[in-house]
Protein backbone atom coordinates (compact mmCIF):
# COMPACT_ATOMS: atom_id res chain seq x y z
CA MET A 1 -0.47 -0.31 -0.47
CA GLY A 2 2.83 2.63 -1.20
CA GLY A 3 1.99 6.27 -2.26
CA MET A 4 -0.48 6.91 -4.54
CA ILE A 5 0.27 8.62 -7.10
CA TRP A 6 -2.42 12.35 -6.75
CA ASN A 7 -2.86 14.20 -10.33
CA ARG A 8 -3.63 18.48 -10.08
CA PHE A 9 -7.06 17.22 -9.34
CA HIS A 10 -6.64 15.58 -6.29
CA TRP A 11 -4.41 18.40 -5.08
CA LEU A 12 -7.22 20.47 -5.77
CA LEU A 13 -9.67 18.90 -3.40
CA GLY A 14 -7.16 18.86 -1.22
CA VAL A 15 -6.69 22.50 -1.10
CA ILE A 16 -10.36 23.22 -1.51
CA TYR A 17 -11.19 20.74 1.94
CA LEU A 18 -7.76 22.59 4.17
CA SER A 19 -9.34 26.13 2.97
CA GLY A 20 -12.84 25.01 4.12
CA LEU A 21 -11.57 23.66 7.47
CA LEU A 22 -9.28 26.97 8.05
CA ALA A 23 -12.01 29.61 7.19
CA LEU A 24 -14.92 27.46 9.35
CA GLY A 25 -12.03 28.10 12.47
CA ILE A 26 -11.89 31.87 11.71
CA LEU A 27 -16.01 32.63 10.98
CA ALA A 28 -16.88 30.02 14.27
CA ARG A 29 -15.10 32.46 16.22
CA ARG A 30 -17.17 35.26 18.27
CA ARG A 31 -16.34 38.55 19.04
CA LYS A 32 -17.30 38.51 22.64
CA ASP A 33 -15.85 35.14 23.64
CA ASN A 34 -15.67 34.69 27.67
CA SER A 35 -13.44 31.52 28.95
CA ASN A 36 -16.62 29.05 29.76
CA GLN A 37 -17.35 30.12 25.35
CA PHE A 38 -13.98 29.61 24.45
CA LEU A 39 -13.32 26.40 26.06
CA ASN A 40 -16.84 24.39 26.71
CA ALA A 41 -19.25 26.52 24.26
CA SER A 42 -22.08 25.88 27.09
CA GLY A 43 -25.89 26.84 25.96
CA SER A 44 -24.69 29.09 22.72
CA LEU A 45 -25.12 26.01 20.16
CA PRO A 46 -28.87 25.23 18.18
CA LEU A 47 -29.72 21.33 18.32
CA TRP A 48 -29.17 19.61 15.04
CA ILE A 49 -25.41 21.10 15.01
CA CYS A 50 -24.62 18.95 18.54
CA ILE A 51 -25.81 16.26 17.33
CA ALA A 52 -24.40 16.29 14.42
CA ALA A 53 -21.33 16.94 16.22
CA CYS A 54 -21.58 14.05 18.56
CA ILE A 55 -22.31 11.62 15.89
CA ALA A 56 -19.11 12.95 13.70
CA ALA A 57 -16.87 13.71 16.95
CA ASN A 58 -17.48 9.39 17.64
CA CYS A 59 -18.74 7.51 14.62
CA GLY A 60 -16.46 9.61 12.40
CA SER A 61 -13.47 9.65 14.19
CA LEU A 62 -11.31 6.42 14.84
CA ASP A 63 -14.02 4.67 15.05
CA VAL A 64 -14.10 4.39 11.41
CA ILE A 65 -10.38 2.66 11.43
CA ALA A 66 -10.38 0.93 14.59
CA MET A 67 -14.31 -0.83 14.39
CA MET A 68 -13.86 -2.09 10.51
CA ALA A 69 -10.27 -4.25 11.40
CA LEU A 70 -12.18 -4.98 14.93
CA GLY A 71 -15.02 -6.92 12.24
CA ALA A 72 -12.09 -8.08 10.20
CA GLN A 73 -10.26 -10.11 13.49
CA TYR A 74 -12.99 -10.87 15.84
CA GLY A 75 -16.02 -10.84 13.13
CA MET A 76 -19.70 -9.75 14.72
CA LEU A 77 -18.16 -9.79 17.63
CA ALA A 78 -17.30 -6.21 16.90
CA CYS A 79 -20.32 -5.15 16.87
CA HIS A 80 -20.38 -5.51 20.78
CA PHE A 81 -18.77 -2.29 21.29
CA TYR A 82 -21.96 -0.33 19.73
CA TRP A 83 -24.45 -2.70 20.84
CA ILE A 84 -23.76 -3.23 24.41
CA GLY A 85 -20.60 -1.36 24.34
CA ALA A 86 -22.94 2.09 23.80
CA VAL A 87 -26.53 1.97 23.02
CA PRO A 88 -27.77 0.79 26.73
CA ALA A 89 -25.53 3.46 28.27
CA LEU A 90 -26.47 6.12 26.20
CA VAL A 91 -29.92 5.74 27.09
CA VAL A 92 -29.38 5.61 30.30
CA VAL A 93 -27.10 9.21 30.67
CA ALA A 94 -30.07 10.88 29.14
CA PHE A 95 -32.21 9.99 31.83
CA TRP A 96 -30.10 10.70 34.21
CA LEU A 97 -26.45 12.14 34.02
CA LEU A 98 -27.31 14.39 31.23
CA PRO A 99 -30.16 16.38 32.31
CA ALA A 100 -28.81 16.49 36.07
CA TYR A 101 -25.86 17.94 35.13
CA ALA A 102 -27.74 20.39 32.91
CA ARG A 103 -30.14 21.00 35.68
CA GLY A 104 -27.54 22.11 38.13
CA ARG A 105 -25.88 23.88 35.86
CA TYR A 106 -22.64 22.02 35.91
CA PRO A 107 -20.97 23.18 32.80
CA THR A 108 -18.58 19.75 32.78
CA VAL A 109 -18.71 16.80 34.74
CA LEU A 110 -16.06 18.07 37.00
CA ASP A 111 -18.25 20.33 38.21
CA PHE A 112 -20.21 17.43 39.22
CA ILE A 113 -17.55 15.88 40.71
CA ALA A 114 -16.76 18.53 42.96
CA GLN A 115 -20.04 19.40 44.10
CA TYR A 116 -20.13 15.82 45.59
CA TYR A 117 -16.21 14.83 46.72
CA GLY A 118 -15.10 19.23 47.35
CA GLY A 119 -12.31 21.12 44.89
CA ARG A 120 -9.55 19.00 45.72
CA THR A 121 -10.99 15.44 43.69
CA ARG A 122 -12.12 17.03 41.29
CA SER A 123 -8.62 18.34 40.53
CA VAL A 124 -6.76 14.86 40.98
CA ALA A 125 -10.28 13.88 37.73
CA ALA A 126 -9.34 16.59 35.93
CA LEU A 127 -5.94 15.67 35.83
CA CYS A 128 -7.16 11.84 34.86
CA MET A 129 -9.10 13.55 31.98
CA ALA A 130 -6.10 15.50 30.74
CA ALA A 131 -3.85 12.41 30.63
CA MET A 132 -6.24 10.57 29.18
CA MET A 133 -7.79 12.56 26.31
CA LEU A 134 -3.42 13.49 25.66
CA LEU A 135 -2.65 10.00 25.10
CA LEU A 136 -6.08 9.42 23.11
CA ALA A 137 -4.79 13.20 20.50
CA GLY A 138 -1.76 11.34 20.53
CA VAL A 139 -2.72 8.04 19.42
CA CYS A 140 -4.79 10.16 16.46
CA LEU A 141 -2.04 12.33 15.39
CA CYS A 142 -0.02 8.98 15.21
CA ALA A 143 -2.93 7.25 12.94
CA VAL A 144 -3.16 10.45 10.67
CA ALA A 145 0.55 10.76 10.37
CA GLN A 146 0.61 6.85 9.16
CA THR A 147 -2.73 7.58 6.61
CA ILE A 148 -0.64 10.00 5.60
CA THR A 149 2.22 8.18 5.08
CA ALA A 150 0.39 5.75 3.29
CA PHE A 151 -1.15 7.05 0.55
CA LEU A 152 0.66 10.49 0.48
CA GLY A 153 4.23 8.67 0.69
CA TRP A 154 5.57 11.92 3.02
CA SER A 155 7.68 10.84 6.14
CA PHE A 156 5.85 10.21 9.31
CA GLY A 157 7.58 13.04 11.12
CA SER A 158 5.52 15.41 8.17
CA GLY A 159 2.53 14.23 8.42
CA VAL A 160 2.63 14.84 12.49
CA LEU A 161 3.49 18.65 11.51
CA ALA A 162 1.56 18.76 8.84
CA THR A 163 -1.32 18.16 11.22
CA ALA A 164 -0.66 20.10 14.30
CA VAL A 165 -0.16 23.22 12.59
CA VAL A 166 -3.57 22.85 11.04
CA VAL A 167 -5.44 21.85 14.06
CA LEU A 168 -3.60 23.99 16.70
CA PHE A 169 -4.72 27.37 13.82
CA TYR A 170 -8.60 26.63 14.30
CA THR A 171 -8.59 25.50 17.87
CA TRP A 172 -6.62 28.33 18.42
CA ILE A 173 -9.17 30.69 17.20
CA GLY A 174 -12.06 29.40 17.57
CA GLY A 175 -12.00 27.12 20.84
CA LEU A 176 -14.72 24.41 20.66
CA ARG A 177 -16.83 26.73 19.04
CA ALA A 178 -14.68 25.99 15.75
CA THR A 179 -13.55 22.19 16.48
CA ILE A 180 -17.78 21.16 16.26
CA TYR A 181 -17.78 23.37 13.22
CA THR A 182 -15.22 21.86 11.60
CA GLU A 183 -16.52 18.34 12.58
CA LEU A 184 -19.92 18.49 10.42
CA LEU A 185 -16.82 19.00 7.42
CA HIS A 186 -14.99 16.15 8.54
CA PHE A 187 -18.41 14.08 9.11
CA ALA A 188 -19.93 15.28 5.06
CA VAL A 189 -16.53 13.81 3.65
CA VAL A 190 -15.67 10.91 6.11
CA LEU A 191 -19.38 9.80 4.99
CA ALA A 192 -18.40 10.39 0.92
CA ALA A 193 -15.93 7.51 1.45
CA ILE A 194 -17.78 4.82 3.95
CA VAL A 195 -20.67 4.50 2.09
CA PRO A 196 -19.77 3.77 -0.86
CA LEU A 197 -17.46 1.05 0.61
CA PHE A 198 -20.42 0.12 1.83
CA TYR A 199 -22.31 -0.20 -1.35
CA LEU A 200 -19.84 -2.00 -3.48
CA VAL A 201 -18.39 -4.62 -0.55
CA VAL A 202 -22.54 -5.58 -0.83
CA ARG A 203 -22.63 -5.36 -4.21
CA ASP A 204 -19.65 -7.65 -4.84
CA PHE A 205 -21.36 -10.69 -3.07
CA GLY A 206 -24.49 -10.09 -4.90
CA GLY A 207 -26.79 -8.37 -2.04
CA LEU A 208 -26.82 -8.31 2.10
CA ALA A 209 -27.48 -12.16 2.43
CA PRO A 210 -25.64 -14.14 -0.02
CA LEU A 211 -23.23 -12.63 1.80
CA LEU A 212 -23.76 -13.18 5.19
CA ALA A 213 -24.35 -16.72 4.27
CA GLN A 214 -20.73 -16.89 2.69
CA ILE A 215 -19.32 -15.58 6.07
CA PRO A 216 -18.20 -18.29 8.63
CA ALA A 217 -20.74 -19.39 11.25
CA GLY A 218 -18.21 -18.60 13.90
CA ARG A 219 -17.67 -14.82 12.62
CA LEU A 220 -21.13 -14.32 12.02
CA HIS A 221 -22.66 -14.96 15.33
CA ALA A 222 -22.21 -12.53 18.43
CA TRP A 223 -23.26 -14.19 21.18
CA GLN A 224 -22.96 -18.17 20.50
CA THR A 225 -19.36 -18.08 20.18
CA LEU A 226 -18.95 -16.35 23.86
CA PRO A 227 -17.84 -18.66 26.82
CA LEU A 228 -20.05 -17.66 30.54
CA PHE A 229 -16.15 -17.40 32.47
CA ALA A 230 -13.13 -17.65 30.47
CA PRO A 231 -10.53 -14.83 30.89
CA GLN A 232 -8.59 -17.41 28.98
CA ALA A 233 -10.66 -16.83 25.87
CA THR A 234 -10.64 -14.58 23.13
CA MET A 235 -13.52 -12.67 25.30
CA ASP A 236 -16.21 -14.27 27.49
CA ARG A 237 -20.01 -13.01 28.24
CA VAL A 238 -18.90 -11.38 32.00
CA GLY A 239 -16.18 -9.52 30.39
CA VAL A 240 -18.70 -8.06 27.39
CA VAL A 241 -21.42 -7.72 30.31
CA PHE A 242 -19.52 -6.10 32.99
CA GLY A 243 -16.19 -5.14 31.93
CA LEU A 244 -17.61 -3.89 28.40
CA GLY A 245 -21.15 -3.40 28.80
CA VAL A 246 -21.63 -1.56 32.07
CA VAL A 247 -18.09 -0.37 33.24
CA LEU A 248 -16.32 1.18 29.97
CA SER A 249 -19.50 1.83 28.30
CA PHE A 250 -20.99 3.89 31.12
CA GLY A 251 -17.73 4.96 32.04
CA PHE A 252 -16.89 6.27 28.10
CA TRP A 253 -20.52 7.93 27.90
CA GLY A 254 -21.16 8.97 31.18
CA THR A 255 -17.34 11.34 32.12
CA ASP A 256 -16.50 11.75 28.31
CA PHE A 257 -15.83 15.45 28.62
CA VAL A 258 -15.27 15.24 24.65
CA GLN A 259 -19.18 14.03 24.66
CA MET A 260 -20.21 16.30 27.75
CA GLN A 261 -18.88 19.55 26.14
CA ARG A 262 -21.31 19.34 22.59
CA ALA A 263 -24.43 17.44 24.50
CA LEU A 264 -24.01 20.70 27.68
CA ALA A 265 -23.28 23.32 24.35
CA VAL A 266 -26.96 22.60 23.28
CA ARG A 267 -29.39 26.07 24.17
CA ARG A 268 -31.98 24.55 25.65
CA ALA A 269 -31.13 22.70 28.43
CA LYS A 270 -34.71 20.94 27.69
CA ASP A 271 -33.08 19.47 24.70
CA VAL A 272 -30.19 17.51 25.66
CA PRO A 273 -31.41 14.34 26.16
CA PHE A 274 -31.63 13.96 22.32
CA VAL A 275 -28.08 14.34 21.77
CA PRO A 276 -27.00 10.62 23.38
CA LEU A 277 -30.49 9.30 22.41
CA SER A 278 -29.32 10.85 18.64
CA MET A 279 -26.31 9.42 18.99
CA ALA A 280 -27.62 5.85 20.41
CA ALA A 281 -29.85 5.75 16.81
CA ALA A 282 -26.62 6.32 15.10
CA LYS A 283 -24.55 3.48 16.55
CA MET A 284 -27.24 0.82 15.80
CA VAL A 285 -26.44 1.73 11.95
CA PHE A 286 -22.88 2.37 11.79
CA ALA A 287 -22.98 -0.82 13.10
CA PHE A 288 -23.61 -2.25 9.94
CA LEU A 289 -22.06 0.64 7.81
CA ILE A 290 -18.40 0.38 9.02
CA VAL A 291 -18.26 -3.87 10.65
CA LEU A 292 -20.55 -5.56 8.05
CA PRO A 293 -17.61 -4.45 5.51
CA GLY A 294 -14.79 -5.48 7.96
CA ILE A 295 -16.31 -8.85 8.23
CA ALA A 296 -16.02 -8.94 4.99
CA ALA A 297 -12.58 -8.43 4.02
CA PRO A 298 -10.82 -10.99 4.63
CA LEU A 299 -13.34 -12.48 1.99
CA VAL A 300 -12.43 -9.88 -0.46
CA LEU A 301 -8.17 -9.72 0.42
CA GLY A 302 -7.71 -12.54 1.26
CA SER A 303 -4.48 -13.24 3.16
CA ARG A 304 -3.70 -9.15 2.11
CA ILE A 305 -4.58 -8.02 5.56
CA SER A 306 -4.19 -10.95 8.23
CA GLY A 307 -2.47 -9.70 11.61
CA HIS A 308 -2.43 -6.64 9.56
CA TRP A 309 -6.17 -5.24 11.10
CA ASN A 310 -5.38 -1.68 11.04
CA THR A 311 -4.90 -1.35 7.27
CA THR A 312 -8.11 -3.21 6.44
CA LEU A 313 -9.94 -0.25 5.90
CA PRO A 314 -7.49 1.49 3.42
CA SER A 315 -6.85 -1.92 1.65
CA LEU A 316 -10.38 -2.09 0.85
CA MET A 317 -10.55 1.15 -0.22
CA LEU A 318 -7.63 0.34 -2.98
CA HIS A 319 -9.43 -2.46 -3.60
CA TYR A 320 -12.48 -1.19 -4.72
CA PHE A 321 -11.99 2.63 -5.50
CA ASN A 322 -10.58 4.25 -8.76
CA PRO A 323 -7.56 6.89 -8.13
CA SER A 324 -10.12 9.56 -8.04
CA TRP A 325 -12.18 8.55 -5.52
CA VAL A 326 -9.18 7.04 -3.46
CA ALA A 327 -8.78 11.19 -2.60
CA ILE A 328 -12.14 11.29 -1.12
CA GLY A 329 -11.04 8.75 0.75
CA VAL A 330 -7.72 9.87 2.06
CA MET A 331 -9.19 13.17 3.03
CA GLY A 332 -12.11 11.30 5.11
CA LEU A 333 -9.45 9.16 6.60
CA ALA A 334 -7.94 11.93 7.66
CA ALA A 335 -10.38 14.61 8.66
CA SER A 336 -12.04 11.59 10.63
CA LEU A 337 -8.61 11.23 12.71
CA ILE A 338 -8.10 14.79 12.83
CA SER A 339 -11.88 15.55 14.39
CA THR A 340 -10.81 13.38 17.33
CA PHE A 341 -7.48 14.78 17.64
CA ALA A 342 -8.74 18.33 17.56
CA ASN A 343 -11.55 17.07 20.12
CA ASN A 344 -8.81 15.70 22.44
CA VAL A 345 -6.87 18.83 22.24
CA SER A 346 -9.95 21.36 23.29
CA GLY A 347 -11.14 18.82 26.11
CA PHE A 348 -7.62 18.68 27.89
CA SER A 349 -7.65 22.46 27.57
CA ALA A 350 -11.10 22.63 29.52
CA ALA A 351 -9.85 20.32 31.93
CA TRP A 352 -6.88 21.91 32.65
CA VAL A 353 -7.81 25.35 32.68
CA GLN A 354 -10.55 24.96 34.78
CA GLY A 355 -10.25 22.00 36.79
CA VAL A 356 -6.65 22.40 38.36
CA TYR A 357 -5.35 26.15 36.71
CA GLN A 358 -8.32 28.21 38.10
CA ALA A 359 -9.33 25.65 40.91
CA TRP A 360 -5.49 25.83 42.28
CA ILE A 361 -3.33 27.84 40.37
CA ARG A 362 -4.51 31.67 39.25
CA PRO A 363 -7.98 31.25 41.42
CA GLN A 364 -8.68 35.12 41.85
CA ALA A 365 -7.93 35.92 37.59
CA SER A 366 -9.07 38.08 35.51
CA ASP A 367 -11.55 36.34 32.49
CA ALA A 368 -9.32 37.06 29.99
CA HIS A 369 -6.57 35.94 31.37
CA TYR A 370 -7.90 32.40 31.43
CA PHE A 371 -9.03 32.98 27.93
CA TRP A 372 -5.28 32.95 27.25
CA MET A 373 -4.59 30.72 29.01
CA GLY A 374 -6.65 28.56 27.15
CA ARG A 375 -5.01 29.48 24.18
CA ILE A 376 -1.67 28.92 25.40
CA THR A 377 -2.92 25.40 26.89
CA THR A 378 -4.03 24.39 23.38
CA ALA A 379 -0.93 25.01 21.91
CA CYS A 380 0.95 23.04 24.45
CA ALA A 381 -1.88 20.56 24.26
CA VAL A 382 -0.69 20.20 20.81
CA VAL A 383 3.15 19.41 21.26
CA LEU A 384 2.07 17.06 23.82
CA ALA A 385 0.25 15.18 21.11
CA ILE A 386 3.35 15.16 18.97
CA ALA A 387 5.48 13.27 21.65
CA GLY A 388 2.76 11.01 22.46
CA ALA A 389 2.11 10.64 18.40
CA TYR A 390 5.79 8.57 18.63
CA SER A 391 4.70 6.48 21.66
CA ALA A 392 1.34 5.44 20.01
CA ARG A 393 3.25 4.44 17.37
CA THR A 394 4.41 1.32 19.66
CA PHE A 395 1.20 -0.34 19.17
CA GLN A 396 -0.53 -2.36 16.95
CA SER A 397 -4.48 -2.31 17.11
CA LEU A 398 -5.76 0.63 17.74
CA MET A 399 -9.29 -0.54 19.50
CA GLU A 400 -6.86 -2.63 22.04
CA TYR A 401 -5.26 0.45 22.91
CA ILE A 402 -8.02 2.68 23.15
CA GLN A 403 -9.73 0.05 25.30
CA MET A 404 -6.36 -0.58 27.72
CA ILE A 405 -6.46 4.23 28.27
CA LEU A 406 -9.90 3.79 29.23
CA SER A 407 -9.95 1.01 31.77
CA THR A 408 -7.50 2.70 33.39
CA PHE A 409 -8.98 5.85 33.60
CA ASN A 410 -12.50 5.89 33.03
CA ALA A 411 -13.44 3.11 35.46
CA PRO A 412 -12.37 4.65 38.29
CA LEU A 413 -14.02 8.15 37.49
CA PHE A 414 -17.39 6.44 36.35
CA ALA A 415 -17.08 5.03 40.12
CA LEU A 416 -17.57 8.20 41.62
CA VAL A 417 -20.29 9.80 38.75
CA ALA A 418 -22.19 6.53 39.59
CA LEU A 419 -22.07 6.95 43.16
CA ALA A 420 -22.44 10.46 43.69
CA ALA A 421 -26.08 9.85 41.10
CA LEU A 422 -27.29 7.12 43.35
CA VAL A 423 -26.20 7.47 47.58
CA PRO A 424 -24.47 11.23 47.04
CA ARG A 425 -24.72 11.17 51.13
CA ARG A 426 -22.74 8.28 51.73
CA VAL A 427 -19.51 9.18 49.18
CA SER A 428 -18.51 12.96 50.07
CA GLY A 429 -15.14 11.56 52.19
CA GLY A 430 -13.66 8.97 50.23
CA GLY A 431 -13.61 10.62 46.78
CA MET A 432 -9.80 11.06 46.64
CA ALA A 433 -8.40 8.03 48.79
CA GLY A 434 -11.21 5.86 45.77
CA LEU A 435 -9.96 7.31 42.60
CA PHE A 436 -6.11 6.72 43.90
CA SER A 437 -6.80 2.70 44.44
CA GLY A 438 -8.75 2.89 41.39
CA LEU A 439 -6.18 4.45 38.97
CA ALA A 440 -3.66 2.26 41.05
CA VAL A 441 -4.82 -1.16 40.10
CA SER A 442 -6.15 -0.19 36.89
CA GLY A 443 -2.33 0.34 36.60
CA VAL A 444 -0.77 -2.62 37.98
CA HIS A 445 -3.06 -4.87 36.27
CA GLN A 446 -2.12 -3.48 32.92
CA ALA A 447 1.65 -3.83 33.72
CA LEU A 448 1.20 -6.60 34.74
CA VAL A 449 -0.42 -7.93 31.18
CA SER A 450 2.38 -5.65 29.91
CA VAL A 451 5.22 -7.74 31.02
CA GLY A 452 3.55 -11.20 30.97
CA LYS A 453 2.96 -12.04 34.64
CA LEU A 454 -1.16 -11.78 33.88
CA HIS A 455 -2.04 -14.14 30.87
CA TYR A 456 -5.75 -13.40 29.20
CA GLY A 457 -6.91 -15.20 26.02
CA SER A 458 -6.44 -11.38 24.45
CA ARG A 459 -5.51 -7.71 24.87
CA MET A 460 -9.01 -6.84 24.74
CA SER A 461 -10.05 -9.37 27.43
CA ALA A 462 -7.29 -8.22 30.03
CA ASP A 463 -9.03 -4.52 29.59
CA PHE A 464 -12.34 -5.51 30.33
CA TYR A 465 -10.64 -7.26 33.32
CA ALA A 466 -8.90 -4.31 34.32
CA ALA A 467 -11.77 -2.17 34.15
CA ILE A 468 -14.04 -4.20 36.39
CA LEU A 469 -11.03 -4.16 38.86
CA GLY A 470 -10.71 -0.53 38.60
CA PHE A 471 -14.36 0.22 38.76
CA CYS A 472 -14.65 -2.19 41.90
CA VAL A 473 -11.95 -0.78 43.70
CA THR A 474 -13.04 2.16 43.70
CA THR A 475 -16.13 1.82 44.63
CA LEU A 476 -15.15 -0.43 47.79
CA VAL A 477 -12.29 2.16 48.80
CA VAL A 478 -15.40 5.24 48.49
CA LEU A 479 -18.21 4.02 50.66
CA THR A 480 -15.98 2.14 53.18
CA VAL A 481 -14.14 5.80 53.51
CA GLY A 482 -16.88 8.06 53.36
CA PHE A 483 -18.84 5.91 55.07
CA SER A 484 -16.18 5.92 58.73
CA LYS A 485 -16.00 9.75 57.87
CA ALA A 486 -19.58 10.71 58.33
CA ARG A 487 -19.71 8.33 61.40
CA GLY A 488 -16.45 10.26 62.55
CA SER A 489 -17.13 14.07 61.66
CA ALA A 490 -20.70 15.69 61.18
CA THR A 491 -18.85 18.28 59.19
CA SER A 492 -16.50 16.00 56.34
CA GLY A 493 -16.65 16.58 52.34
CA PRO A 494 -18.07 19.55 51.12
CA ALA A 495 -20.49 21.66 51.99
CA GLN A 496 -23.11 21.43 49.89
CA VAL A 497 -24.08 18.07 49.05
CA SER A 498 -27.86 17.59 47.58
CA ASP A 499 -29.59 14.41 45.36
CA PRO A 500 -29.65 14.44 42.11
CA LEU A 501 -32.58 16.44 40.56
CA PRO A 502 -35.85 14.67 39.78
CA ILE A 503 -35.61 14.34 36.16
CA THR A 504 -38.75 14.74 33.51
CA SER A 505 -38.46 13.85 30.21
CA SER A 506 -40.73 14.42 27.27
CA VAL A 507 -43.10 12.18 25.28
CA ALA A 508 -40.92 12.64 22.38
CA THR A 509 -37.47 11.39 24.13
CA VAL A 510 -39.28 8.65 25.75
CA VAL A 511 -40.14 7.25 21.82
CA TRP A 512 -36.81 7.96 20.65
CA ALA A 513 -35.68 6.10 23.56
CA VAL A 514 -37.78 3.09 23.52
CA VAL A 515 -37.72 2.78 19.31
CA VAL A 516 -33.59 2.80 20.06
CA GLY A 517 -33.90 0.60 22.67
CA ALA A 518 -35.79 -1.96 21.23
CA SER A 519 -33.44 -2.19 18.20
CA CYS A 520 -30.60 -2.40 20.11
CA LEU A 521 -32.62 -5.97 21.58
CA LEU A 522 -33.55 -7.12 18.29
CA MET A 523 -30.20 -6.73 16.24
CA ASN A 524 -28.69 -9.33 19.59
CA VAL A 525 -31.61 -11.82 19.37
CA LEU A 526 -31.42 -11.62 15.35
CA LEU A 527 -27.71 -12.52 14.89
CA ARG A 528 -27.13 -14.13 18.52
């Protein structure tokens, strides 16, 4: 898959795309910005923009490459990362967590944590989120540089530098608003690449039914091949249901800084639940649009991708597309990865400035100072991500690496959020101890797996069980310490702790949730 030869038409497409990207960054800038608008854009955007941006940020990001690679590697099991790993959690987030954040006027999940555990725990959580987003930004930058290298023949360093400069420009100018608007441009190009690919793969086999008939039975079922409890297997039901479906899924969607930013940017608070519900519906569609071509890839490409799963999507594009459409596909791949890179850079800036800098370093500075600190942090995040890209270059499986990061950081954070929502008066004193304990246990577990002291059937299975372990340890420590402090002192914890506000939902949101949930259940039954 060497660098393809680009003619003048291809370069013209690239120039038009790049010009549009930079223009959106300039146009998205508001004349009267404050630091919160620059970092979060809270309550300032139309509902459809936020829905489209959420879908673009997730379905149009690393998932495009990583999920198709998982389809080629694991078959229909890859759909679990959308069906079990997204839809149930998104429905719960829509009716539980997001309305609580919006009604409590919490600009971010960090403010929610601060309300129940205090400012110190909030700062530690902010550092965890910042580290997680920086690692994810590094792997995104690495992936887009590898894509540019594969199709254009550039060096890895040139691809990293070119991407970093473009993202730094429009995030510096427009902050999160620019990131959201440019996501829509990215997503349009991504769809132009993957929708025709899905059609061509299905047509090549004579239709959807003939394609499914040619897939081996062991790769076609999502549940029948899974043992109940077998960590030495590739995956098992305990790991998928509890590790992926409960801890990683609810942890990601309930605490993810990037997704929360976009949902809470909706102008009207009552419309907030439509954002995660629409994302859940999109996941149902993308499960087939992305995964099915990956499942068919071994039948189409044979041994060319065996053991090189991350090349599945580029290889299919080169196999089916003519040179002009390959150029569009290249821009789609690069756009999806650049989008995720920019998301994590913006999220890192918000987590650092509002969670650490404003809270502990300069708590009484002017809003203009925080605004410029947000820009400086954005630039620093891009530079640090360049170092992270070279570190991520050593990993072979994108999704396994992403799940490793999430199982280490997100599982303990989700335990804090879940406990605060379920038993708010029992947890205020134990947040710091619980978070540190969960992070330590998850980190040690991952280190032991990496050096070969703990053995699982796959790295993915190890990630699932690391998430379960980190969540359980955090929960036990928070409850134990919080209960002990509550008995010892009536004034421990934050000064004001209140129960989550009651959730009311419109008929439209309830109907939408029922349709999405029923569709997810039907897919699991039909392809069990």
